[in-house]
Amino acid sequence: MSIFEKEEERPSELEFDITEKNGSLFIVHQGWPYAMSPPSIVSMSLSPAIVGIDKVLLKGAEQKGIKGNFKLSASDKWFFHCDVRALYVEDLFEGWIYDLQGESMKVDQRVWVCSYLKLFFQIPPKTMYLSITA
């Protein structure tokens, strides 16, 4: 399922509103918050080397001095000031696994991305560039 019809091309850049509440992150889509952290059963099943994308985004926002809500920009094309490059690895537990590599942020981490990304993409983008802003 996607917000784009099959004949439409998806935009190369999207901006998401991210809400933080009590250390948990939510992606806001059409006024509704969707939890970004892996469900408990997924967390227990993930390799210790894989964390939820929410943990990395919280740490990234903290590194940039951002507390609370922020914007997450994502593009399939490199852009100046991007923080992280995300490389698709595989589907896992209704979500997607990506390897994150730092561009302007210091990160080298494998992450599980929640299935809510499917609200925006029918198939996982092979490469995404991400940036966190206030």
N, C-alpha and C. Protein backbone atom coordinates (compact mmCIF):
# COMPACT_ATOMS: atom_id res chain seq x y z
N MET A 1 0.84 -1.18 0.00
CA MET A 1 0.00 0.00 0.00
C MET A 1 0.88 1.24 0.00
N SER A 2 0.48 2.23 -0.74
CA SER A 2 1.26 3.46 -0.84
C SER A 2 0.31 4.63 -1.03
N ILE A 3 0.78 5.82 -0.70
CA ILE A 3 -0.05 7.00 -0.95
C ILE A 3 0.01 7.41 -2.41
N PHE A 4 0.87 6.75 -3.19
CA PHE A 4 1.01 7.06 -4.61
C PHE A 4 0.43 5.93 -5.44
N GLU A 5 -0.28 6.28 -6.49
CA GLU A 5 -0.79 5.28 -7.41
C GLU A 5 0.39 4.69 -8.18
N LYS A 6 0.21 3.48 -8.70
CA LYS A 6 1.31 2.81 -9.39
C LYS A 6 1.86 3.61 -10.56
N GLU A 7 1.00 4.33 -11.28
CA GLU A 7 1.50 5.06 -12.44
C GLU A 7 2.19 6.37 -12.05
N GLU A 8 2.00 6.80 -10.80
CA GLU A 8 2.66 8.03 -10.35
C GLU A 8 4.07 7.70 -9.86
N GLU A 9 5.00 8.60 -10.13
CA GLU A 9 6.32 8.45 -9.54
C GLU A 9 6.30 9.09 -8.17
N ARG A 10 7.00 8.47 -7.24
CA ARG A 10 7.09 9.07 -5.91
C ARG A 10 8.08 10.23 -5.95
N PRO A 11 7.88 11.21 -5.10
CA PRO A 11 8.84 12.32 -5.10
C PRO A 11 10.20 11.83 -4.62
N SER A 12 11.26 12.50 -5.05
CA SER A 12 12.59 12.07 -4.64
C SER A 12 12.92 12.57 -3.23
N GLU A 13 12.12 13.49 -2.71
CA GLU A 13 12.36 13.97 -1.35
C GLU A 13 11.07 14.08 -0.58
N LEU A 14 11.08 13.58 0.65
CA LEU A 14 9.92 13.65 1.54
C LEU A 14 10.37 14.25 2.86
N GLU A 15 9.43 14.89 3.54
CA GLU A 15 9.72 15.43 4.88
C GLU A 15 8.67 14.89 5.84
N PHE A 16 9.13 14.32 6.94
CA PHE A 16 8.25 13.72 7.93
C PHE A 16 8.30 14.52 9.21
N ASP A 17 7.15 14.66 9.86
CA ASP A 17 7.11 15.23 11.20
C ASP A 17 7.30 14.09 12.18
N ILE A 18 8.27 14.25 13.08
CA ILE A 18 8.56 13.23 14.08
C ILE A 18 8.25 13.84 15.45
N THR A 19 7.45 13.14 16.21
CA THR A 19 7.06 13.58 17.55
C THR A 19 7.72 12.68 18.58
N GLU A 20 8.29 13.29 19.61
CA GLU A 20 8.91 12.54 20.69
C GLU A 20 8.04 12.67 21.93
N LYS A 21 7.77 11.54 22.56
CA LYS A 21 7.01 11.57 23.81
C LYS A 21 7.56 10.49 24.72
N ASN A 22 8.06 10.92 25.87
CA ASN A 22 8.64 10.00 26.87
C ASN A 22 9.70 9.08 26.29
N GLY A 23 10.55 9.61 25.43
CA GLY A 23 11.64 8.81 24.86
C GLY A 23 11.24 7.93 23.70
N SER A 24 9.98 7.98 23.28
CA SER A 24 9.53 7.20 22.13
C SER A 24 9.25 8.14 20.96
N LEU A 25 9.51 7.66 19.75
CA LEU A 25 9.28 8.47 18.56
C LEU A 25 8.07 7.98 17.79
N PHE A 26 7.36 8.95 17.20
CA PHE A 26 6.19 8.67 16.40
C PHE A 26 6.31 9.46 15.10
N ILE A 27 6.00 8.82 13.98
CA ILE A 27 5.94 9.52 12.71
C ILE A 27 4.49 9.98 12.55
N VAL A 28 4.30 11.25 12.20
CA VAL A 28 2.95 11.80 12.07
C VAL A 28 2.59 11.82 10.59
N HIS A 29 1.48 11.15 10.28
CA HIS A 29 1.00 11.08 8.89
C HIS A 29 -0.49 11.39 8.89
N GLN A 30 -0.86 12.42 8.16
CA GLN A 30 -2.25 12.86 8.05
C GLN A 30 -2.87 13.04 9.43
N GLY A 31 -2.07 13.61 10.35
CA GLY A 31 -2.55 13.94 11.69
C GLY A 31 -2.53 12.79 12.68
N TRP A 32 -2.14 11.59 12.25
CA TRP A 32 -2.11 10.43 13.14
C TRP A 32 -0.67 10.04 13.46
N PRO A 33 -0.38 9.78 14.76
CA PRO A 33 0.96 9.33 15.13
C PRO A 33 1.09 7.81 15.00
N TYR A 34 2.21 7.36 14.43
CA TYR A 34 2.51 5.94 14.29
C TYR A 34 3.84 5.66 14.98
N ALA A 35 3.85 4.70 15.90
CA ALA A 35 5.06 4.39 16.68
C ALA A 35 6.18 3.89 15.76
N MET A 36 7.36 4.43 15.96
CA MET A 36 8.51 4.04 15.14
C MET A 36 9.34 2.92 15.77
N SER A 37 9.18 2.70 17.08
CA SER A 37 9.99 1.67 17.72
C SER A 37 9.42 0.29 17.41
N PRO A 38 10.29 -0.70 17.33
CA PRO A 38 9.83 -2.05 17.04
C PRO A 38 8.89 -2.56 18.14
N PRO A 39 7.83 -3.29 17.76
CA PRO A 39 6.99 -3.92 18.78
C PRO A 39 7.85 -4.86 19.64
N SER A 40 7.42 -5.14 20.85
CA SER A 40 8.20 -5.96 21.78
C SER A 40 8.62 -7.29 21.18
N ILE A 41 7.73 -7.96 20.49
CA ILE A 41 8.04 -9.27 19.92
C ILE A 41 9.14 -9.15 18.87
N VAL A 42 9.14 -8.04 18.12
CA VAL A 42 10.20 -7.82 17.11
C VAL A 42 11.52 -7.51 17.81
N SER A 43 11.48 -6.64 18.82
CA SER A 43 12.70 -6.29 19.57
C SER A 43 13.37 -7.53 20.14
N MET A 44 12.56 -8.45 20.68
CA MET A 44 13.13 -9.67 21.27
C MET A 44 13.71 -10.58 20.20
N SER A 45 13.23 -10.48 18.97
CA SER A 45 13.67 -11.37 17.90
C SER A 45 14.83 -10.82 17.08
N LEU A 46 15.11 -9.53 17.19
CA LEU A 46 16.19 -8.92 16.42
C LEU A 46 17.55 -9.33 16.97
N SER A 47 18.51 -9.39 16.10
CA SER A 47 19.89 -9.61 16.51
C SER A 47 20.31 -8.44 17.42
N PRO A 48 21.18 -8.69 18.38
CA PRO A 48 21.66 -7.59 19.23
C PRO A 48 22.37 -6.49 18.43
N ALA A 49 22.81 -6.82 17.20
CA ALA A 49 23.51 -5.83 16.37
C ALA A 49 22.54 -4.92 15.63
N ILE A 50 21.23 -5.19 15.71
CA ILE A 50 20.23 -4.39 15.01
C ILE A 50 19.37 -3.67 16.04
N VAL A 51 19.20 -2.36 15.85
CA VAL A 51 18.33 -1.58 16.74
C VAL A 51 17.22 -0.95 15.91
N GLY A 52 16.19 -0.48 16.59
CA GLY A 52 15.12 0.23 15.91
C GLY A 52 15.63 1.59 15.42
N ILE A 53 15.11 2.04 14.30
CA ILE A 53 15.51 3.34 13.74
C ILE A 53 15.25 4.47 14.74
N ASP A 54 14.26 4.30 15.61
CA ASP A 54 13.93 5.32 16.59
C ASP A 54 15.12 5.64 17.49
N LYS A 55 15.87 4.62 17.89
CA LYS A 55 17.03 4.84 18.78
C LYS A 55 18.09 5.70 18.10
N VAL A 56 18.35 5.43 16.83
CA VAL A 56 19.36 6.19 16.09
C VAL A 56 18.88 7.63 15.86
N LEU A 57 17.60 7.80 15.53
CA LEU A 57 17.08 9.16 15.31
C LEU A 57 17.09 9.98 16.59
N LEU A 58 16.75 9.36 17.72
CA LEU A 58 16.81 10.07 19.01
C LEU A 58 18.24 10.52 19.31
N LYS A 59 19.19 9.62 19.08
CA LYS A 59 20.60 9.95 19.33
C LYS A 59 21.07 11.05 18.37
N GLY A 60 20.63 10.98 17.11
CA GLY A 60 20.99 11.99 16.12
C GLY A 60 20.43 13.36 16.48
N ALA A 61 19.17 13.39 16.91
CA ALA A 61 18.56 14.66 17.33
C ALA A 61 19.32 15.22 18.54
N GLU A 62 19.68 14.35 19.47
CA GLU A 62 20.43 14.78 20.65
C GLU A 62 21.78 15.36 20.24
N GLN A 63 22.49 14.71 19.30
CA GLN A 63 23.78 15.21 18.83
C GLN A 63 23.63 16.60 18.22
N LYS A 64 22.49 16.88 17.60
CA LYS A 64 22.25 18.19 16.98
C LYS A 64 21.64 19.19 17.95
N GLY A 65 21.46 18.79 19.21
CA GLY A 65 20.90 19.69 20.21
C GLY A 65 19.40 19.88 20.08
N ILE A 66 18.72 18.96 19.44
CA ILE A 66 17.26 19.06 19.25
C ILE A 66 16.59 18.21 20.32
N LYS A 67 15.67 18.84 21.05
CA LYS A 67 14.90 18.13 22.07
C LYS A 67 13.44 18.17 21.65
N GLY A 68 12.77 17.04 21.76
CA GLY A 68 11.35 17.00 21.41
C GLY A 68 11.14 16.71 19.93
N ASN A 69 10.17 17.41 19.34
CA ASN A 69 9.77 17.14 17.96
C ASN A 69 10.81 17.65 16.97
N PHE A 70 10.88 16.99 15.80
CA PHE A 70 11.79 17.42 14.75
C PHE A 70 11.27 16.96 13.40
N LYS A 71 11.96 17.38 12.36
CA LYS A 71 11.63 16.99 10.98
C LYS A 71 12.69 16.00 10.51
N LEU A 72 12.25 15.02 9.74
CA LEU A 72 13.15 14.07 9.13
C LEU A 72 12.96 14.17 7.63
N SER A 73 14.02 14.57 6.93
CA SER A 73 13.98 14.65 5.47
C SER A 73 14.60 13.38 4.92
N ALA A 74 13.98 12.84 3.87
CA ALA A 74 14.49 11.63 3.22
C ALA A 74 14.46 11.84 1.72
N SER A 75 15.53 11.43 1.05
CA SER A 75 15.61 11.55 -0.40
C SER A 75 16.37 10.36 -0.96
N ASP A 76 16.04 9.98 -2.18
CA ASP A 76 16.80 8.91 -2.81
C ASP A 76 18.01 9.47 -3.55
N LYS A 77 18.21 10.79 -3.47
CA LYS A 77 19.37 11.44 -4.06
C LYS A 77 20.16 12.17 -2.96
N TRP A 78 21.49 12.11 -3.06
CA TRP A 78 22.33 12.78 -2.08
C TRP A 78 22.03 14.27 -2.09
N PHE A 79 22.04 14.89 -0.92
CA PHE A 79 21.86 16.34 -0.82
C PHE A 79 22.82 16.88 0.24
N PHE A 80 23.21 18.14 0.03
CA PHE A 80 24.11 18.81 0.94
C PHE A 80 23.47 18.85 2.33
N HIS A 81 24.20 18.62 3.35
CA HIS A 81 23.75 18.59 4.75
C HIS A 81 23.00 17.33 5.13
N CYS A 82 23.04 16.27 4.30
CA CYS A 82 22.40 15.04 4.76
C CYS A 82 23.25 14.47 5.90
N ASP A 83 22.59 13.83 6.84
CA ASP A 83 23.27 13.30 8.02
C ASP A 83 23.71 11.85 7.84
N VAL A 84 22.85 11.07 7.16
CA VAL A 84 23.05 9.62 7.11
C VAL A 84 22.66 9.07 5.74
N ARG A 85 23.39 8.07 5.30
CA ARG A 85 23.01 7.29 4.12
C ARG A 85 22.46 5.95 4.63
N ALA A 86 21.28 5.56 4.15
CA ALA A 86 20.64 4.30 4.54
C ALA A 86 20.61 3.37 3.33
N LEU A 87 21.20 2.20 3.47
CA LEU A 87 21.28 1.22 2.39
C LEU A 87 20.41 0.01 2.73
N TYR A 88 19.45 -0.30 1.85
CA TYR A 88 18.53 -1.41 2.07
C TYR A 88 19.28 -2.73 2.12
N VAL A 89 18.90 -3.59 3.10
CA VAL A 89 19.51 -4.91 3.24
C VAL A 89 18.49 -6.01 2.94
N GLU A 90 17.35 -6.00 3.68
CA GLU A 90 16.35 -7.05 3.51
C GLU A 90 15.05 -6.69 4.23
N ASP A 91 13.99 -7.42 3.88
CA ASP A 91 12.72 -7.34 4.60
C ASP A 91 12.85 -8.22 5.85
N LEU A 92 12.26 -7.78 6.96
CA LEU A 92 12.28 -8.58 8.17
C LEU A 92 11.14 -8.18 9.09
N PHE A 93 10.33 -9.14 9.50
CA PHE A 93 9.24 -8.92 10.45
C PHE A 93 8.33 -7.75 10.05
N GLU A 94 7.85 -7.75 8.83
CA GLU A 94 6.95 -6.71 8.30
C GLU A 94 7.60 -5.34 8.20
N GLY A 95 8.89 -5.25 8.47
CA GLY A 95 9.62 -3.99 8.32
C GLY A 95 10.80 -4.21 7.38
N TRP A 96 11.72 -3.27 7.39
CA TRP A 96 12.88 -3.33 6.51
C TRP A 96 14.15 -3.10 7.31
N ILE A 97 15.20 -3.82 6.93
CA ILE A 97 16.51 -3.63 7.55
C ILE A 97 17.35 -2.75 6.64
N TYR A 98 17.99 -1.75 7.25
CA TYR A 98 18.89 -0.85 6.53
C TYR A 98 20.22 -0.76 7.27
N ASP A 99 21.29 -0.57 6.52
CA ASP A 99 22.59 -0.23 7.10
C ASP A 99 22.70 1.29 7.03
N LEU A 100 22.95 1.92 8.17
CA LEU A 100 23.14 3.37 8.21
C LEU A 100 24.62 3.67 8.23
N GLN A 101 25.01 4.62 7.38
CA GLN A 101 26.40 5.07 7.33
C GLN A 101 26.39 6.59 7.47
N GLY A 102 27.23 7.09 8.33
CA GLY A 102 27.28 8.52 8.58
C GLY A 102 27.76 9.32 7.39
N GLU A 103 27.10 10.41 7.15
CA GLU A 103 27.56 11.41 6.18
C GLU A 103 28.13 12.56 7.01
N SER A 104 27.26 13.32 7.70
CA SER A 104 27.75 14.38 8.59
C SER A 104 27.64 13.96 10.06
N MET A 105 26.92 12.87 10.34
CA MET A 105 26.80 12.35 11.71
C MET A 105 27.68 11.11 11.84
N LYS A 106 28.09 10.86 13.05
CA LYS A 106 28.90 9.67 13.30
C LYS A 106 27.95 8.50 13.62
N VAL A 107 27.76 7.63 12.64
CA VAL A 107 26.90 6.46 12.84
C VAL A 107 27.30 5.37 11.85
N ASP A 108 27.32 4.15 12.34
CA ASP A 108 27.55 2.97 11.51
C ASP A 108 26.74 1.88 12.20
N GLN A 109 25.49 1.72 11.79
CA GLN A 109 24.56 0.88 12.54
C GLN A 109 23.57 0.21 11.60
N ARG A 110 23.22 -1.02 11.88
CA ARG A 110 22.15 -1.72 11.16
C ARG A 110 20.87 -1.47 11.95
N VAL A 111 19.80 -1.06 11.25
CA VAL A 111 18.55 -0.72 11.92
C VAL A 111 17.35 -1.43 11.29
N TRP A 112 16.32 -1.60 12.11
CA TRP A 112 15.03 -2.10 11.65
C TRP A 112 14.12 -0.88 11.52
N VAL A 113 13.51 -0.75 10.34
CA VAL A 113 12.61 0.37 10.07
C VAL A 113 11.18 -0.17 10.07
N CYS A 114 10.31 0.49 10.82
CA CYS A 114 8.95 0.02 10.99
C CYS A 114 8.18 -0.06 9.67
N SER A 115 7.17 -0.88 9.69
CA SER A 115 6.35 -1.10 8.49
C SER A 115 5.57 0.15 8.09
N TYR A 116 5.50 1.16 8.94
CA TYR A 116 4.78 2.39 8.58
C TYR A 116 5.45 3.12 7.43
N LEU A 117 6.69 2.81 7.13
CA LEU A 117 7.33 3.41 5.97
C LEU A 117 6.59 3.00 4.70
N LYS A 118 5.84 1.91 4.79
CA LYS A 118 5.04 1.45 3.66
C LYS A 118 3.88 2.40 3.35
N LEU A 119 3.60 3.31 4.25
CA LEU A 119 2.62 4.36 3.96
C LEU A 119 3.13 5.26 2.83
N PHE A 120 4.44 5.32 2.67
CA PHE A 120 5.07 6.23 1.72
C PHE A 120 5.73 5.51 0.54
N PHE A 121 6.15 4.27 0.74
CA PHE A 121 6.85 3.52 -0.30
C PHE A 121 6.26 2.13 -0.42
N GLN A 122 5.95 1.69 -1.64
CA GLN A 122 5.46 0.33 -1.85
C GLN A 122 6.59 -0.68 -1.69
N ILE A 123 7.75 -0.33 -2.20
CA ILE A 123 8.92 -1.17 -2.05
C ILE A 123 10.00 -0.34 -1.35
N PRO A 124 10.90 -1.00 -0.64
CA PRO A 124 11.92 -0.23 0.07
C PRO A 124 12.89 0.45 -0.89
N PRO A 125 13.11 1.74 -0.70
CA PRO A 125 14.13 2.41 -1.51
C PRO A 125 15.49 1.76 -1.25
N LYS A 126 16.26 1.54 -2.31
CA LYS A 126 17.57 0.89 -2.17
C LYS A 126 18.54 1.76 -1.38
N THR A 127 18.47 3.07 -1.60
CA THR A 127 19.32 4.01 -0.88
C THR A 127 18.47 5.22 -0.50
N MET A 128 18.62 5.67 0.73
CA MET A 128 17.96 6.91 1.17
C MET A 128 19.00 7.75 1.88
N TYR A 129 18.86 9.04 1.75
CA TYR A 129 19.69 9.99 2.48
C TYR A 129 18.77 10.71 3.45
N LEU A 130 19.19 10.80 4.71
CA LEU A 130 18.35 11.33 5.77
C LEU A 130 18.99 12.53 6.44
N SER A 131 18.13 13.44 6.89
CA SER A 131 18.59 14.61 7.63
C SER A 131 17.59 14.95 8.70
N ILE A 132 18.09 15.29 9.88
CA ILE A 132 17.26 15.69 11.02
C ILE A 132 17.39 17.20 11.20
N THR A 133 16.24 17.88 11.28
CA THR A 133 16.25 19.34 11.52
C THR A 133 15.18 19.69 12.54
N ALA A 134 15.38 20.82 13.18
CA ALA A 134 14.41 21.28 14.20
C ALA A 134 13.15 21.79 13.55
